Amino acid sequence: MLEKHYSARLGRRPFPLHHLGAFPYYNNYLKLARLEFETLRGAGVPSPKRVAFLGSGPLPLTSIVLALHHLPSSRFDNYDFDPAANAMARLLVAPHHELARRMAFLDAEVEKVTAELREYDVVFLAALVGIERAEKARVVKHLGQHMAPGAVLLLRSAHGARAFLYPVVEVEDLPGFDVLSVVHPTDEVINSVILARKRFNDPE
C-alpha cells in the first residue's frame, strides 16, 4: 500500500524519476541495489544482457536503480501478477525515454512464466513472492525447471530478527542451484542476498 501510494504521487509528476527520493525508503533501495550488484560482480557474473525481476510491484525501485546506475546496457523485464501495479510502474518510467526502451512490465504470475525464463542471464526474485516457506520452495522449484542452465538467480532473504519482516530462504531450499554467495548486511539494509547458479547437469 505504501508503494502504491507513492507510485501514484510520483506518477502525477512530469518526470517521476527525478523525485524518487520522496519515497521514505529510497536510500535503503539504493544500498540494496548496490549490494546486489556488488554480489553479482563479486561472483564473477558478467553484465547481463537480459534481466527478469519477478514481483516488481507498482514502484519497481530495484530495477530502476540497477538499470540507471549499475547495469546501463541491460534490458529489464519486470513481472507482476497485478496489471494495475504494472500500469503504475509504466507511468513512472515512460518519460525517461532511454530507460523505457530497456524496461518492460509484463502481467503474469511467476509460476506461469515458463519458456520466457530461458532468455534471462539473471533472475531476481522479490522477497514477498512466496511468503510461506512451502510457497517459496514451489516458486524456486519452478525457476529451477525453466531457467537456462548457467543463469543466475538472486533471491532476497532475511537473517536473525529481520526474519520478522521478510521470509527466510535457506541454502537447502535451492535444489537444482549451486549457491555462489550469501550476504547478511549489518547496516540498515534489511534483506539478505543469496546468489545461486542454475546447474548444467540437472534434468529440467
C-alpha atoms as a PDB file:
ATOM      1  CA  MET A   1       0.000   0.000   0.000  1.00  0.00           C
ATOM      2  CA  LEU A   2       2.893   2.350   0.738  1.00  0.00           C
ATOM      3  CA  GLU A   3       4.405   1.654  -2.678  1.00  0.00           C
ATOM      4  CA  LYS A   4       1.061   2.200  -4.400  1.00  0.00           C
ATOM      5  CA  HIS A   5       0.583   5.491  -2.579  1.00  0.00           C
ATOM      6  CA  TYR A   6       3.973   6.861  -3.572  1.00  0.00           C
ATOM      7  CA  SER A   7       3.823   5.472  -7.083  1.00  0.00           C
ATOM      8  CA  ALA A   8       0.542   7.335  -7.597  1.00  0.00           C
ATOM      9  CA  ARG A   9       2.061  10.536  -6.189  1.00  0.00           C
ATOM     10  CA  LEU A  10       5.170  10.269  -8.336  1.00  0.00           C
ATOM     11  CA  GLY A  11       3.148   9.357 -11.417  1.00  0.00           C
ATOM     12  CA  ARG A  12       1.472  12.749 -11.329  1.00  0.00           C
ATOM     13  CA  ARG A  13       4.836  14.483 -11.807  1.00  0.00           C
ATOM     14  CA  PRO A  14       6.079  15.343 -15.318  1.00  0.00           C
ATOM     15  CA  PHE A  15       9.347  13.448 -14.675  1.00  0.00           C
ATOM     16  CA  PRO A  16       8.650  10.945 -11.888  1.00  0.00           C
ATOM     17  CA  LEU A  17      12.158   9.500 -11.700  1.00  0.00           C
ATOM     18  CA  HIS A  18      13.519  12.911 -10.677  1.00  0.00           C
ATOM     19  CA  HIS A  19      11.557  12.647  -7.424  1.00  0.00           C
ATOM     20  CA  LEU A  20      12.242   9.083  -6.235  1.00  0.00           C
ATOM     21  CA  GLY A  21      13.810  10.485  -3.076  1.00  0.00           C
ATOM     22  CA  ALA A  22      10.309  11.300  -1.846  1.00  0.00           C
ATOM     23  CA  PHE A  23       9.811   7.607  -1.078  1.00  0.00           C
ATOM     24  CA  PRO A  24      10.789   7.144   2.590  1.00  0.00           C
ATOM     25  CA  TYR A  25      12.933   4.042   1.974  1.00  0.00           C
ATOM     26  CA  TYR A  26      14.593   5.162  -1.247  1.00  0.00           C
ATOM     27  CA  ASN A  27      18.073   5.286   0.303  1.00  0.00           C
ATOM     28  CA  ASN A  28      17.591   1.727   1.521  1.00  0.00           C
ATOM     29  CA  TYR A  29      16.847   0.632  -2.048  1.00  0.00           C
ATOM     30  CA  LEU A  30      19.950   2.459  -3.283  1.00  0.00           C
ATOM     31  CA  LYS A  31      22.058   0.498  -0.814  1.00  0.00           C
ATOM     32  CA  LEU A  32      20.303  -2.791  -1.505  1.00  0.00           C
ATOM     33  CA  ALA A  33      20.695  -2.431  -5.275  1.00  0.00           C
ATOM     34  CA  ARG A  34      24.387  -1.628  -4.838  1.00  0.00           C
ATOM     35  CA  LEU A  35      24.772  -4.673  -2.581  1.00  0.00           C
ATOM     36  CA  GLU A  36      23.086  -6.894  -5.147  1.00  0.00           C
ATOM     37  CA  PHE A  37      25.195  -5.501  -7.983  1.00  0.00           C
ATOM     38  CA  GLU A  38      28.395  -5.973  -5.974  1.00  0.00           C
ATOM     39  CA  THR A  39      27.314  -9.522  -5.118  1.00  0.00           C
ATOM     40  CA  LEU A  40      26.902 -10.288  -8.818  1.00  0.00           C
ATOM     41  CA  ARG A  41      30.226  -8.694  -9.654  1.00  0.00           C
ATOM     42  CA  GLY A  42      31.989 -10.377  -6.738  1.00  0.00           C
ATOM     43  CA  ALA A  43      30.848 -13.771  -8.012  1.00  0.00           C
ATOM     44  CA  GLY A  44      32.241 -13.023 -11.455  1.00  0.00           C
ATOM     45  CA  VAL A  45      28.829 -12.735 -13.129  1.00  0.00           C
ATOM     46  CA  PRO A  46      29.241 -10.700 -16.336  1.00  0.00           C
ATOM     47  CA  SER A  47      26.965  -7.773 -17.068  1.00  0.00           C
ATOM     48  CA  PRO A  48      23.699  -9.433 -18.153  1.00  0.00           C
ATOM     49  CA  LYS A  49      22.028  -8.753 -21.470  1.00  0.00           C
ATOM     50  CA  ARG A  50      18.572  -9.567 -20.116  1.00  0.00           C
ATOM     51  CA  VAL A  51      17.291  -9.439 -16.555  1.00  0.00           C
ATOM     52  CA  ALA A  52      13.955 -10.625 -15.171  1.00  0.00           C
ATOM     53  CA  PHE A  53      12.582  -9.171 -11.965  1.00  0.00           C
ATOM     54  CA  LEU A  54       9.761 -11.301 -10.568  1.00  0.00           C
ATOM     55  CA  GLY A  55       7.343  -9.445  -8.313  1.00  0.00           C
ATOM     56  CA  SER A  56       8.262  -5.889  -9.311  1.00  0.00           C
ATOM     57  CA  GLY A  57       5.155  -4.144  -7.962  1.00  0.00           C
ATOM     58  CA  PRO A  58       3.907  -0.581  -8.559  1.00  0.00           C
ATOM     59  CA  LEU A  59       7.192   1.057  -7.531  1.00  0.00           C
ATOM     60  CA  PRO A  60       9.978  -1.039  -9.131  1.00  0.00           C
ATOM     61  CA  LEU A  61      12.864   0.738  -7.433  1.00  0.00           C
ATOM     62  CA  THR A  62      15.367  -2.102  -7.627  1.00  0.00           C
ATOM     63  CA  SER A  63      15.037  -2.422 -11.401  1.00  0.00           C
ATOM     64  CA  ILE A  64      15.133   1.339 -11.868  1.00  0.00           C
ATOM     65  CA  VAL A  65      18.206   1.846  -9.680  1.00  0.00           C
ATOM     66  CA  LEU A  66      20.077  -1.087 -11.212  1.00  0.00           C
ATOM     67  CA  ALA A  67      19.215  -0.007 -14.755  1.00  0.00           C
ATOM     68  CA  LEU A  68      20.190   3.625 -14.201  1.00  0.00           C
ATOM     69  CA  HIS A  69      23.288   3.255 -12.038  1.00  0.00           C
ATOM     70  CA  HIS A  70      24.754  -0.241 -12.326  1.00  0.00           C
ATOM     71  CA  LEU A  71      23.557  -2.070 -15.454  1.00  0.00           C
ATOM     72  CA  PRO A  72      23.190   0.670 -18.082  1.00  0.00           C
ATOM     73  CA  SER A  73      23.101  -1.688 -21.070  1.00  0.00           C
ATOM     74  CA  SER A  74      20.860  -4.430 -19.667  1.00  0.00           C
ATOM     75  CA  ARG A  75      17.225  -4.974 -20.614  1.00  0.00           C
ATOM     76  CA  PHE A  76      14.827  -5.478 -17.702  1.00  0.00           C
ATOM     77  CA  ASP A  77      11.573  -7.413 -17.914  1.00  0.00           C
ATOM     78  CA  ASN A  78       9.507  -6.836 -14.789  1.00  0.00           C
ATOM     79  CA  TYR A  79       6.779  -9.355 -13.980  1.00  0.00           C
ATOM     80  CA  ASP A  80       3.869  -8.825 -11.630  1.00  0.00           C
ATOM     81  CA  PHE A  81       0.516 -10.589 -11.356  1.00  0.00           C
ATOM     82  CA  ASP A  82      -1.287  -7.256 -10.804  1.00  0.00           C
ATOM     83  CA  PRO A  83      -1.987  -5.340 -14.052  1.00  0.00           C
ATOM     84  CA  ALA A  84      -2.767  -2.185 -12.064  1.00  0.00           C
ATOM     85  CA  ALA A  85       0.670  -2.294 -10.425  1.00  0.00           C
ATOM     86  CA  ASN A  86       2.332  -2.672 -13.826  1.00  0.00           C
ATOM     87  CA  ALA A  87       0.320   0.230 -15.231  1.00  0.00           C
ATOM     88  CA  MET A  88       1.527   2.449 -12.391  1.00  0.00           C
ATOM     89  CA  ALA A  89       5.126   1.336 -12.926  1.00  0.00           C
ATOM     90  CA  ARG A  90       4.969   2.047 -16.670  1.00  0.00           C
ATOM     91  CA  LEU A  91       3.775   5.552 -15.923  1.00  0.00           C
ATOM     92  CA  LEU A  92       6.852   6.200 -13.793  1.00  0.00           C
ATOM     93  CA  VAL A  93       9.315   5.049 -16.429  1.00  0.00           C
ATOM     94  CA  ALA A  94       7.637   6.306 -19.635  1.00  0.00           C
ATOM     95  CA  PRO A  95       9.015   9.892 -19.560  1.00  0.00           C
ATOM     96  CA  HIS A  96      12.592   8.559 -19.325  1.00  0.00           C
ATOM     97  CA  HIS A  97      12.824   7.509 -22.965  1.00  0.00           C
ATOM     98  CA  GLU A  98      16.163   5.683 -22.763  1.00  0.00           C
ATOM     99  CA  LEU A  99      15.078   3.655 -19.753  1.00  0.00           C
ATOM    100  CA  ALA A 100      11.623   2.990 -21.209  1.00  0.00           C
ATOM    101  CA  ARG A 101      13.297   1.336 -24.215  1.00  0.00           C
ATOM    102  CA  ARG A 102      15.111  -1.096 -21.900  1.00  0.00           C
ATOM    103  CA  MET A 103      12.340  -1.823 -19.428  1.00  0.00           C
ATOM    104  CA  ALA A 104       9.091  -3.756 -19.892  1.00  0.00           C
ATOM    105  CA  PHE A 105       6.287  -4.552 -17.452  1.00  0.00           C
ATOM    106  CA  LEU A 106       4.525  -7.844 -18.006  1.00  0.00           C
ATOM    107  CA  ASP A 107       1.323  -9.143 -16.424  1.00  0.00           C
ATOM    108  CA  ALA A 108       1.928 -12.701 -15.210  1.00  0.00           C
ATOM    109  CA  GLU A 109       2.048 -14.905 -12.146  1.00  0.00           C
ATOM    110  CA  VAL A 110       5.532 -16.255 -11.549  1.00  0.00           C
ATOM    111  CA  GLU A 111       4.543 -19.883 -11.972  1.00  0.00           C
ATOM    112  CA  LYS A 112       3.004 -19.140 -15.371  1.00  0.00           C
ATOM    113  CA  VAL A 113       6.257 -17.720 -16.721  1.00  0.00           C
ATOM    114  CA  THR A 114       7.921 -20.723 -18.322  1.00  0.00           C
ATOM    115  CA  ALA A 115       9.716 -20.676 -21.693  1.00  0.00           C
ATOM    116  CA  GLU A 116      10.489 -16.963 -21.281  1.00  0.00           C
ATOM    117  CA  LEU A 117      12.731 -17.721 -18.316  1.00  0.00           C
ATOM    118  CA  ARG A 118      15.311 -19.340 -20.578  1.00  0.00           C
ATOM    119  CA  GLU A 119      16.005 -15.937 -22.137  1.00  0.00           C
ATOM    120  CA  TYR A 120      17.422 -14.348 -18.988  1.00  0.00           C
ATOM    121  CA  ASP A 121      21.012 -14.257 -17.771  1.00  0.00           C
ATOM    122  CA  VAL A 122      19.938 -13.056 -14.311  1.00  0.00           C
ATOM    123  CA  VAL A 123      16.616 -13.533 -12.497  1.00  0.00           C
ATOM    124  CA  PHE A 124      15.719 -11.515  -9.406  1.00  0.00           C
ATOM    125  CA  LEU A 125      13.056 -12.895  -7.088  1.00  0.00           C
ATOM    126  CA  ALA A 126      11.373 -10.325  -4.852  1.00  0.00           C
ATOM    127  CA  ALA A 127      11.280 -11.096  -1.130  1.00  0.00           C
ATOM    128  CA  LEU A 128       7.491 -11.233  -0.903  1.00  0.00           C
ATOM    129  CA  VAL A 129       6.966 -13.632  -3.816  1.00  0.00           C
ATOM    130  CA  GLY A 130       6.175 -16.712  -1.779  1.00  0.00           C
ATOM    131  CA  ILE A 131       5.757 -15.607   1.818  1.00  0.00           C
ATOM    132  CA  GLU A 132       5.339 -19.084   3.289  1.00  0.00           C
ATOM    133  CA  ARG A 133       8.337 -21.406   3.030  1.00  0.00           C
ATOM    134  CA  ALA A 134       6.409 -24.044   1.060  1.00  0.00           C
ATOM    135  CA  GLU A 135       5.201 -21.436  -1.410  1.00  0.00           C
ATOM    136  CA  LYS A 136       8.705 -20.021  -1.834  1.00  0.00           C
ATOM    137  CA  ALA A 137      10.057 -23.544  -2.365  1.00  0.00           C
ATOM    138  CA  ARG A 138       7.450 -24.148  -5.071  1.00  0.00           C
ATOM    139  CA  VAL A 139       8.457 -20.931  -6.853  1.00  0.00           C
ATOM    140  CA  VAL A 140      12.159 -21.785  -6.654  1.00  0.00           C
ATOM    141  CA  LYS A 141      11.479 -25.295  -7.987  1.00  0.00           C
ATOM    142  CA  HIS A 142       9.614 -23.730 -10.914  1.00  0.00           C
ATOM    143  CA  LEU A 143      12.559 -21.443 -11.651  1.00  0.00           C
ATOM    144  CA  GLY A 144      14.927 -24.394 -11.459  1.00  0.00           C
ATOM    145  CA  GLN A 145      12.833 -26.225 -14.044  1.00  0.00           C
ATOM    146  CA  HIS A 146      12.649 -23.351 -16.528  1.00  0.00           C
ATOM    147  CA  MET A 147      15.698 -21.101 -16.161  1.00  0.00           C
ATOM    148  CA  ALA A 148      18.571 -21.605 -18.580  1.00  0.00           C
ATOM    149  CA  PRO A 149      21.453 -23.740 -17.264  1.00  0.00           C
ATOM    150  CA  GLY A 150      24.190 -21.418 -16.071  1.00  0.00           C
ATOM    151  CA  ALA A 151      21.839 -18.485 -15.479  1.00  0.00           C
ATOM    152  CA  VAL A 152      21.921 -16.946 -12.023  1.00  0.00           C
ATOM    153  CA  LEU A 153      19.133 -16.412  -9.521  1.00  0.00           C
ATOM    154  CA  LEU A 154      19.305 -13.633  -6.957  1.00  0.00           C
ATOM    155  CA  LEU A 155      16.912 -14.035  -4.053  1.00  0.00           C
ATOM    156  CA  ARG A 156      16.202 -11.872  -1.063  1.00  0.00           C
ATOM    157  CA  SER A 157      16.069 -13.460   2.347  1.00  0.00           C
ATOM    158  CA  ALA A 158      16.397 -12.314   5.951  1.00  0.00           C
ATOM    159  CA  HIS A 159      18.606 -13.167   8.922  1.00  0.00           C
ATOM    160  CA  GLY A 160      18.104 -13.053  12.661  1.00  0.00           C
ATOM    161  CA  ALA A 161      15.422 -10.703  13.956  1.00  0.00           C
ATOM    162  CA  ARG A 162      14.933  -9.357  10.434  1.00  0.00           C
ATOM    163  CA  ALA A 163      13.031 -12.554   9.705  1.00  0.00           C
ATOM    164  CA  PHE A 164      10.072 -10.903  11.438  1.00  0.00           C
ATOM    165  CA  LEU A 165       9.828  -8.627   8.386  1.00  0.00           C
ATOM    166  CA  TYR A 166      10.737 -10.870   5.451  1.00  0.00           C
ATOM    167  CA  PRO A 167      10.683 -14.606   4.644  1.00  0.00           C
ATOM    168  CA  VAL A 168      13.842 -16.616   5.215  1.00  0.00           C
ATOM    169  CA  VAL A 169      15.364 -18.673   2.397  1.00  0.00           C
ATOM    170  CA  GLU A 170      17.860 -21.347   3.411  1.00  0.00           C
ATOM    171  CA  VAL A 171      20.576 -22.790   1.188  1.00  0.00           C
ATOM    172  CA  GLU A 172      18.836 -26.174   1.276  1.00  0.00           C
ATOM    173  CA  ASP A 173      15.739 -24.537  -0.213  1.00  0.00           C
ATOM    174  CA  LEU A 174      17.521 -24.212  -3.579  1.00  0.00           C
ATOM    175  CA  PRO A 175      17.605 -27.655  -5.222  1.00  0.00           C
ATOM    176  CA  GLY A 176      19.000 -27.545  -8.737  1.00  0.00           C
ATOM    177  CA  PHE A 177      21.136 -24.486  -7.949  1.00  0.00           C
ATOM    178  CA  ASP A 178      24.702 -24.030  -6.756  1.00  0.00           C
ATOM    179  CA  VAL A 179      24.900 -21.259  -4.168  1.00  0.00           C
ATOM    180  CA  LEU A 180      27.586 -18.728  -5.083  1.00  0.00           C
ATOM    181  CA  SER A 181      27.192 -16.221  -2.283  1.00  0.00           C
ATOM    182  CA  VAL A 182      25.157 -15.450   0.839  1.00  0.00           C
ATOM    183  CA  VAL A 183      25.327 -11.908   2.227  1.00  0.00           C
ATOM    184  CA  HIS A 184      23.788 -10.774   5.527  1.00  0.00           C
ATOM    185  CA  PRO A 185      24.009  -6.966   5.825  1.00  0.00           C
ATOM    186  CA  THR A 186      24.625  -5.443   9.229  1.00  0.00           C
ATOM    187  CA  ASP A 187      23.545  -1.897   8.387  1.00  0.00           C
ATOM    188  CA  GLU A 188      20.030  -0.574   7.790  1.00  0.00           C
ATOM    189  CA  VAL A 189      19.552  -2.791   4.731  1.00  0.00           C
ATOM    190  CA  ILE A 190      17.018  -5.373   5.914  1.00  0.00           C
ATOM    191  CA  ASN A 191      17.239  -8.034   3.230  1.00  0.00           C
ATOM    192  CA  SER A 192      19.908 -10.672   2.973  1.00  0.00           C
ATOM    193  CA  VAL A 193      21.018 -11.635  -0.534  1.00  0.00           C
ATOM    194  CA  ILE A 194      21.507 -15.151  -1.893  1.00  0.00           C
ATOM    195  CA  LEU A 195      23.089 -15.670  -5.304  1.00  0.00           C
ATOM    196  CA  ALA A 196      22.809 -19.090  -6.958  1.00  0.00           C
ATOM    197  CA  ARG A 197      23.570 -20.550 -10.386  1.00  0.00           C
ATOM    198  CA  LYS A 198      21.289 -22.987 -12.211  1.00  0.00           C
ATOM    199  CA  ARG A 199      23.148 -26.265 -12.585  1.00  0.00           C
ATOM    200  CA  PHE A 200      24.048 -27.560 -16.010  1.00  0.00           C
ATOM    201  CA  ASN A 201      23.639 -31.230 -15.206  1.00  0.00           C
ATOM    202  CA  ASP A 202      20.211 -31.315 -13.551  1.00  0.00           C
ATOM    203  CA  PRO A 203      17.282 -32.616 -15.619  1.00  0.00           C
ATOM    204  CA  GLU A 204      14.686 -29.950 -16.376  1.00  0.00           C
END
